[in-house]
All heavy atoms as atom14 arrays in JSON, in Angstrom:
{
  "sequence": "EEKLKTFRGWMGAVFFIFILLSGVRMGVFTFGVIS",
  "atom14_mask": [
    [1, 1, 1, 1, 1, 1, 1, 1, 1, 0, 0, 0, 0, 0],
    [1, 1, 1, 1, 1, 1, 1, 1, 1, 0, 0, 0, 0, 0],
    [1, 1, 1, 1, 1, 1, 1, 1, 1, 0, 0, 0, 0, 0],
    [1, 1, 1, 1, 1, 1, 1, 1, 0, 0, 0, 0, 0, 0],
    [1, 1, 1, 1, 1, 1, 1, 1, 1, 0, 0, 0, 0, 0],
    [1, 1, 1, 1, 1, 1, 1, 0, 0, 0, 0, 0, 0, 0],
    [1, 1, 1, 1, 1, 1, 1, 1, 1, 1, 1, 0, 0, 0],
    [1, 1, 1, 1, 1, 1, 1, 1, 1, 1, 1, 0, 0, 0],
    [1, 1, 1, 1, 0, 0, 0, 0, 0, 0, 0, 0, 0, 0],
    [1, 1, 1, 1, 1, 1, 1, 1, 1, 1, 1, 1, 1, 1],
    [1, 1, 1, 1, 1, 1, 1, 1, 0, 0, 0, 0, 0, 0],
    [1, 1, 1, 1, 0, 0, 0, 0, 0, 0, 0, 0, 0, 0],
    [1, 1, 1, 1, 1, 0, 0, 0, 0, 0, 0, 0, 0, 0],
    [1, 1, 1, 1, 1, 1, 1, 0, 0, 0, 0, 0, 0, 0],
    [1, 1, 1, 1, 1, 1, 1, 1, 1, 1, 1, 0, 0, 0],
    [1, 1, 1, 1, 1, 1, 1, 1, 1, 1, 1, 0, 0, 0],
    [1, 1, 1, 1, 1, 1, 1, 1, 0, 0, 0, 0, 0, 0],
    [1, 1, 1, 1, 1, 1, 1, 1, 1, 1, 1, 0, 0, 0],
    [1, 1, 1, 1, 1, 1, 1, 1, 0, 0, 0, 0, 0, 0],
    [1, 1, 1, 1, 1, 1, 1, 1, 0, 0, 0, 0, 0, 0],
    [1, 1, 1, 1, 1, 1, 1, 1, 0, 0, 0, 0, 0, 0],
    [1, 1, 1, 1, 1, 1, 0, 0, 0, 0, 0, 0, 0, 0],
    [1, 1, 1, 1, 0, 0, 0, 0, 0, 0, 0, 0, 0, 0],
    [1, 1, 1, 1, 1, 1, 1, 0, 0, 0, 0, 0, 0, 0],
    [1, 1, 1, 1, 1, 1, 1, 1, 1, 1, 1, 0, 0, 0],
    [1, 1, 1, 1, 1, 1, 1, 1, 0, 0, 0, 0, 0, 0],
    [1, 1, 1, 1, 0, 0, 0, 0, 0, 0, 0, 0, 0, 0],
    [1, 1, 1, 1, 1, 1, 1, 0, 0, 0, 0, 0, 0, 0],
    [1, 1, 1, 1, 1, 1, 1, 1, 1, 1, 1, 0, 0, 0],
    [1, 1, 1, 1, 1, 1, 1, 0, 0, 0, 0, 0, 0, 0],
    [1, 1, 1, 1, 1, 1, 1, 1, 1, 1, 1, 0, 0, 0],
    [1, 1, 1, 1, 0, 0, 0, 0, 0, 0, 0, 0, 0, 0],
    [1, 1, 1, 1, 1, 1, 1, 0, 0, 0, 0, 0, 0, 0],
    [1, 1, 1, 1, 1, 1, 1, 1, 0, 0, 0, 0, 0, 0],
    [1, 1, 1, 1, 1, 1, 0, 0, 0, 0, 0, 0, 0, 0]
  ],
  "atom14_positions": [
    [[40.98, 51.15, -0.03], [40.55, 51.76, 1.23], [40.08, 50.68, 2.2], [39.13, 49.95, 1.93], [39.42, 52.76, 0.98], [39.86, 54.03, 0.25], [40.75, 54.91, 1.11], [40.78, 54.74, 2.35], [41.44, 55.77, 0.53], [0.0, 0.0, 0.0], [0.0, 0.0, 0.0], [0.0, 0.0, 0.0], [0.0, 0.0, 0.0], [0.0, 0.0, 0.0]],
    [[40.73, 50.58, 3.36], [40.38, 49.57, 4.36], [38.95, 49.75, 4.87], [38.29, 48.78, 5.25], [41.36, 49.62, 5.53], [42.71, 49.0, 5.23], [42.61, 47.53, 4.85], [41.87, 46.79, 5.54], [43.25, 47.12, 3.87], [0.0, 0.0, 0.0], [0.0, 0.0, 0.0], [0.0, 0.0, 0.0], [0.0, 0.0, 0.0], [0.0, 0.0, 0.0]],
    [[38.47, 50.99, 4.92], [37.11, 51.25, 5.41], [36.06, 50.59, 4.52], [34.92, 50.38, 4.96], [36.87, 52.76, 5.48], [37.72, 53.49, 6.51], [37.44, 54.97, 6.49], [38.32, 55.72, 7.49], [38.07, 57.2, 7.46], [0.0, 0.0, 0.0], [0.0, 0.0, 0.0], [0.0, 0.0, 0.0], [0.0, 0.0, 0.0], [0.0, 0.0, 0.0]],
    [[36.43, 50.31, 3.26], [35.48, 49.72, 2.31], [35.66, 48.21, 2.16], [35.06, 47.61, 1.27], [35.64, 50.4, 0.95], [35.42, 51.91, 0.91], [35.73, 52.46, -0.47], [33.99, 52.27, 1.31], [0.0, 0.0, 0.0], [0.0, 0.0, 0.0], [0.0, 0.0, 0.0], [0.0, 0.0, 0.0], [0.0, 0.0, 0.0], [0.0, 0.0, 0.0]],
    [[36.48, 47.62, 3.01], [36.82, 46.2, 2.88], [35.59, 45.3, 2.89], [35.52, 44.31, 2.16], [37.77, 45.8, 4.01], [38.36, 44.41, 3.87], [39.39, 44.14, 4.96], [40.01, 42.76, 4.78], [41.04, 42.5, 5.83], [0.0, 0.0, 0.0], [0.0, 0.0, 0.0], [0.0, 0.0, 0.0], [0.0, 0.0, 0.0], [0.0, 0.0, 0.0]],
    [[34.62, 45.64, 3.7], [33.39, 44.83, 3.82], [32.63, 44.75, 2.51], [31.95, 43.76, 2.23], [32.47, 45.43, 4.91], [33.22, 45.6, 6.11], [31.28, 44.52, 5.18], [0.0, 0.0, 0.0], [0.0, 0.0, 0.0], [0.0, 0.0, 0.0], [0.0, 0.0, 0.0], [0.0, 0.0, 0.0], [0.0, 0.0, 0.0], [0.0, 0.0, 0.0]],
    [[32.74, 45.8, 1.7], [31.94, 45.9, 0.47], [32.68, 45.4, -0.77], [32.1, 45.39, -1.86], [31.52, 47.34, 0.24], [30.81, 47.97, 1.42], [31.5, 48.8, 2.28], [29.48, 47.72, 1.66], [30.86, 49.38, 3.36], [28.82, 48.3, 2.73], [29.52, 49.13, 3.6], [0.0, 0.0, 0.0], [0.0, 0.0, 0.0], [0.0, 0.0, 0.0]],
    [[33.94, 45.0, -0.63], [34.75, 44.68, -1.81], [34.19, 43.57, -2.66], [34.15, 43.68, -3.89], [36.18, 44.33, -1.37], [37.01, 45.52, -0.99], [38.37, 45.12, -0.48], [39.08, 46.27, 0.06], [40.18, 46.2, 0.8], [40.7, 45.01, 1.08], [40.75, 47.29, 1.25], [0.0, 0.0, 0.0], [0.0, 0.0, 0.0], [0.0, 0.0, 0.0]],
    [[33.76, 42.5, -2.03], [33.29, 41.34, -2.79], [32.11, 41.63, -3.67], [32.19, 41.52, -4.9], [0.0, 0.0, 0.0], [0.0, 0.0, 0.0], [0.0, 0.0, 0.0], [0.0, 0.0, 0.0], [0.0, 0.0, 0.0], [0.0, 0.0, 0.0], [0.0, 0.0, 0.0], [0.0, 0.0, 0.0], [0.0, 0.0, 0.0], [0.0, 0.0, 0.0]],
    [[30.99, 42.03, -3.08], [29.77, 42.21, -3.87], [29.8, 43.46, -4.72], [29.28, 43.46, -5.84], [28.53, 42.17, -2.97], [28.37, 43.29, -2.0], [28.86, 43.36, -0.74], [27.65, 44.51, -2.21], [28.51, 44.54, -0.13], [27.76, 45.27, -1.01], [26.92, 45.04, -3.27], [27.17, 46.53, -0.87], [26.34, 46.28, -3.13], [26.46, 47.01, -1.94]],
    [[30.47, 44.54, -4.22], [30.55, 45.75, -5.04], [31.47, 45.53, -6.25], [31.2, 46.01, -7.35], [31.06, 46.92, -4.21], [30.01, 47.56, -3.33], [28.61, 48.21, -4.27], [29.4, 49.47, -5.27], [0.0, 0.0, 0.0], [0.0, 0.0, 0.0], [0.0, 0.0, 0.0], [0.0, 0.0, 0.0], [0.0, 0.0, 0.0], [0.0, 0.0, 0.0]],
    [[32.56, 44.78, -6.03], [33.45, 44.46, -7.14], [32.73, 43.65, -8.2], [32.92, 43.87, -9.4], [0.0, 0.0, 0.0], [0.0, 0.0, 0.0], [0.0, 0.0, 0.0], [0.0, 0.0, 0.0], [0.0, 0.0, 0.0], [0.0, 0.0, 0.0], [0.0, 0.0, 0.0], [0.0, 0.0, 0.0], [0.0, 0.0, 0.0], [0.0, 0.0, 0.0]],
    [[31.85, 42.72, -7.77], [31.07, 41.92, -8.72], [30.1, 42.8, -9.5], [29.94, 42.63, -10.71], [30.31, 40.83, -7.96], [0.0, 0.0, 0.0], [0.0, 0.0, 0.0], [0.0, 0.0, 0.0], [0.0, 0.0, 0.0], [0.0, 0.0, 0.0], [0.0, 0.0, 0.0], [0.0, 0.0, 0.0], [0.0, 0.0, 0.0], [0.0, 0.0, 0.0]],
    [[29.46, 43.74, -8.82], [28.53, 44.66, -9.49], [29.28, 45.5, -10.52], [28.8, 45.68, -11.66], [27.84, 45.58, -8.46], [27.05, 46.69, -9.16], [26.9, 44.77, -7.57], [0.0, 0.0, 0.0], [0.0, 0.0, 0.0], [0.0, 0.0, 0.0], [0.0, 0.0, 0.0], [0.0, 0.0, 0.0], [0.0, 0.0, 0.0], [0.0, 0.0, 0.0]],
    [[30.45, 46.02, -10.15], [31.26, 46.81, -11.08], [31.61, 45.98, -12.32], [31.51, 46.46, -13.45], [32.54, 47.29, -10.41], [32.34, 48.39, -9.4], [33.36, 48.74, -8.53], [31.14, 49.08, -9.3], [33.19, 49.76, -7.6], [30.96, 50.09, -8.38], [31.99, 50.43, -7.53], [0.0, 0.0, 0.0], [0.0, 0.0, 0.0], [0.0, 0.0, 0.0]],
    [[32.04, 44.74, -12.08], [32.46, 43.87, -13.18], [31.3, 43.6, -14.14], [31.47, 43.66, -15.37], [33.02, 42.56, -12.63], [33.37, 41.56, -13.71], [34.45, 41.79, -14.55], [32.62, 40.42, -13.89], [34.78, 40.88, -15.55], [32.93, 39.51, -14.88], [34.02, 39.75, -15.71], [0.0, 0.0, 0.0], [0.0, 0.0, 0.0], [0.0, 0.0, 0.0]],
    [[30.15, 43.29, -13.6], [28.98, 42.99, -14.44], [28.59, 44.2, -15.28], [28.29, 44.08, -16.47], [27.8, 42.51, -13.57], [28.12, 41.13, -12.98], [26.51, 42.46, -14.39], [27.13, 40.66, -11.94], [0.0, 0.0, 0.0], [0.0, 0.0, 0.0], [0.0, 0.0, 0.0], [0.0, 0.0, 0.0], [0.0, 0.0, 0.0], [0.0, 0.0, 0.0]],
    [[28.6, 45.39, -14.66], [28.27, 46.6, -15.43], [29.26, 46.82, -16.56], [28.88, 47.1, -17.71], [28.26, 47.83, -14.52], [27.99, 49.12, -15.26], [26.69, 49.55, -15.48], [29.04, 49.88, -15.78], [26.43, 50.72, -16.18], [28.8, 51.04, -16.48], [27.48, 51.46, -16.69], [0.0, 0.0, 0.0], [0.0, 0.0, 0.0], [0.0, 0.0, 0.0]],
    [[30.56, 46.69, -16.26], [31.59, 46.9, -17.27], [31.45, 45.88, -18.39], [31.57, 46.2, -19.58], [32.99, 46.83, -16.64], [33.21, 48.01, -15.7], [34.07, 46.81, -17.71], [34.49, 47.94, -14.88], [0.0, 0.0, 0.0], [0.0, 0.0, 0.0], [0.0, 0.0, 0.0], [0.0, 0.0, 0.0], [0.0, 0.0, 0.0], [0.0, 0.0, 0.0]],
    [[31.15, 44.64, -18.02], [31.0, 43.58, -19.01], [29.83, 43.87, -19.94], [29.93, 43.75, -21.17], [30.79, 42.25, -18.3], [30.92, 40.98, -19.14], [32.36, 40.8, -19.61], [30.48, 39.77, -18.34], [0.0, 0.0, 0.0], [0.0, 0.0, 0.0], [0.0, 0.0, 0.0], [0.0, 0.0, 0.0], [0.0, 0.0, 0.0], [0.0, 0.0, 0.0]],
    [[28.69, 44.27, -19.36], [27.51, 44.54, -20.16], [27.66, 45.82, -21.0], [26.99, 45.98, -22.01], [26.28, 44.66, -19.26], [25.81, 43.37, -18.6], [24.62, 43.63, -17.68], [25.44, 42.32, -19.65], [0.0, 0.0, 0.0], [0.0, 0.0, 0.0], [0.0, 0.0, 0.0], [0.0, 0.0, 0.0], [0.0, 0.0, 0.0], [0.0, 0.0, 0.0]],
    [[28.53, 46.72, -20.58], [28.77, 47.94, -21.36], [29.46, 47.64, -22.68], [29.39, 48.42, -23.62], [29.62, 48.93, -20.55], [30.97, 48.5, -20.49], [0.0, 0.0, 0.0], [0.0, 0.0, 0.0], [0.0, 0.0, 0.0], [0.0, 0.0, 0.0], [0.0, 0.0, 0.0], [0.0, 0.0, 0.0], [0.0, 0.0, 0.0], [0.0, 0.0, 0.0]],
    [[30.18, 46.51, -22.71], [30.86, 46.13, -23.94], [32.13, 46.91, -24.22], [32.67, 46.84, -25.33], [0.0, 0.0, 0.0], [0.0, 0.0, 0.0], [0.0, 0.0, 0.0], [0.0, 0.0, 0.0], [0.0, 0.0, 0.0], [0.0, 0.0, 0.0], [0.0, 0.0, 0.0], [0.0, 0.0, 0.0], [0.0, 0.0, 0.0], [0.0, 0.0, 0.0]],
    [[32.63, 47.65, -23.23], [33.87, 48.43, -23.43], [35.05, 47.5, -23.21], [35.39, 47.15, -22.08], [33.94, 49.62, -22.45], [35.23, 50.41, -22.65], [32.73, 50.53, -22.65], [0.0, 0.0, 0.0], [0.0, 0.0, 0.0], [0.0, 0.0, 0.0], [0.0, 0.0, 0.0], [0.0, 0.0, 0.0], [0.0, 0.0, 0.0], [0.0, 0.0, 0.0]],
    [[35.68, 47.1, -24.3], [36.72, 46.09, -24.23], [37.92, 46.54, -23.41], [38.46, 45.77, -22.61], [37.14, 45.7, -25.65], [36.08, 44.86, -26.35], [36.31, 44.71, -27.83], [35.9, 45.89, -28.58], [35.41, 45.85, -29.82], [35.24, 44.7, -30.43], [35.07, 46.95, -30.44], [0.0, 0.0, 0.0], [0.0, 0.0, 0.0], [0.0, 0.0, 0.0]],
    [[38.34, 47.79, -23.59], [39.46, 48.29, -22.8], [39.08, 48.37, -21.32], [39.92, 48.18, -20.44], [39.91, 49.66, -23.3], [41.11, 50.25, -22.54], [42.57, 49.15, -22.49], [43.22, 49.43, -24.15], [0.0, 0.0, 0.0], [0.0, 0.0, 0.0], [0.0, 0.0, 0.0], [0.0, 0.0, 0.0], [0.0, 0.0, 0.0], [0.0, 0.0, 0.0]],
    [[37.8, 48.65, -21.05], [37.34, 48.69, -19.66], [37.43, 47.34, -18.99], [37.85, 47.24, -17.83], [0.0, 0.0, 0.0], [0.0, 0.0, 0.0], [0.0, 0.0, 0.0], [0.0, 0.0, 0.0], [0.0, 0.0, 0.0], [0.0, 0.0, 0.0], [0.0, 0.0, 0.0], [0.0, 0.0, 0.0], [0.0, 0.0, 0.0], [0.0, 0.0, 0.0]],
    [[37.04, 46.28, -19.71], [37.13, 44.92, -19.18], [38.6, 44.56, -18.94], [38.96, 43.98, -17.9], [36.48, 43.91, -20.14], [36.68, 42.48, -19.65], [34.99, 44.2, -20.29], [0.0, 0.0, 0.0], [0.0, 0.0, 0.0], [0.0, 0.0, 0.0], [0.0, 0.0, 0.0], [0.0, 0.0, 0.0], [0.0, 0.0, 0.0], [0.0, 0.0, 0.0]],
    [[39.46, 44.89, -19.9], [40.89, 44.62, -19.77], [41.47, 45.35, -18.57], [42.25, 44.78, -17.78], [41.62, 45.03, -21.05], [43.11, 44.86, -20.98], [43.69, 43.6, -21.05], [43.94, 45.97, -20.83], [45.07, 43.45, -20.98], [45.32, 45.82, -20.75], [45.89, 44.55, -20.83], [0.0, 0.0, 0.0], [0.0, 0.0, 0.0], [0.0, 0.0, 0.0]],
    [[41.09, 46.63, -18.4], [41.59, 47.43, -17.29], [41.15, 46.85, -15.95], [41.93, 46.77, -15.0], [41.1, 48.88, -17.4], [41.55, 49.43, -18.65], [41.63, 49.74, -16.26], [0.0, 0.0, 0.0], [0.0, 0.0, 0.0], [0.0, 0.0, 0.0], [0.0, 0.0, 0.0], [0.0, 0.0, 0.0], [0.0, 0.0, 0.0], [0.0, 0.0, 0.0]],
    [[39.88, 46.43, -15.87], [39.37, 45.8, -14.65], [40.21, 44.56, -14.33], [40.54, 44.3, -13.17], [37.91, 45.42, -14.83], [37.25, 44.9, -13.59], [36.54, 45.76, -12.75], [37.31, 43.56, -13.27], [35.93, 45.28, -11.6], [36.7, 43.06, -12.12], [36.01, 43.93, -11.28], [0.0, 0.0, 0.0], [0.0, 0.0, 0.0], [0.0, 0.0, 0.0]],
    [[40.55, 43.79, -15.37], [41.37, 42.6, -15.17], [42.77, 42.94, -14.68], [43.32, 42.24, -13.82], [0.0, 0.0, 0.0], [0.0, 0.0, 0.0], [0.0, 0.0, 0.0], [0.0, 0.0, 0.0], [0.0, 0.0, 0.0], [0.0, 0.0, 0.0], [0.0, 0.0, 0.0], [0.0, 0.0, 0.0], [0.0, 0.0, 0.0], [0.0, 0.0, 0.0]],
    [[43.35, 44.01, -15.21], [44.69, 44.44, -14.78], [44.68, 44.85, -13.3], [45.54, 44.44, -12.52], [45.2, 45.62, -15.65], [46.46, 46.23, -15.05], [45.46, 45.15, -17.07], [0.0, 0.0, 0.0], [0.0, 0.0, 0.0], [0.0, 0.0, 0.0], [0.0, 0.0, 0.0], [0.0, 0.0, 0.0], [0.0, 0.0, 0.0], [0.0, 0.0, 0.0]],
    [[43.67, 45.65, -12.92], [43.55, 46.09, -11.53], [43.4, 44.88, -10.61], [44.08, 44.77, -9.58], [42.32, 47.01, -11.35], [42.48, 48.28, -12.17], [42.13, 47.37, -9.87], [41.21, 49.12, -12.25], [0.0, 0.0, 0.0], [0.0, 0.0, 0.0], [0.0, 0.0, 0.0], [0.0, 0.0, 0.0], [0.0, 0.0, 0.0], [0.0, 0.0, 0.0]],
    [[42.52, 43.95, -10.98], [42.27, 42.76, -10.17], [43.51, 41.9, -10.04], [43.82, 41.36, -8.96], [41.12, 41.94, -10.78], [39.94, 42.7, -10.85], [0.0, 0.0, 0.0], [0.0, 0.0, 0.0], [0.0, 0.0, 0.0], [0.0, 0.0, 0.0], [0.0, 0.0, 0.0], [0.0, 0.0, 0.0], [0.0, 0.0, 0.0], [0.0, 0.0, 0.0]]
  ]
}
């Protein structure tokens, strides 16, 4: 979404950190695929 472009950097980092700390291996892999 172009309207959310301003938030991509820091929000993406927050999402990644949460997923990483959750320990869900498929979730980390999926995040990597999307990225």
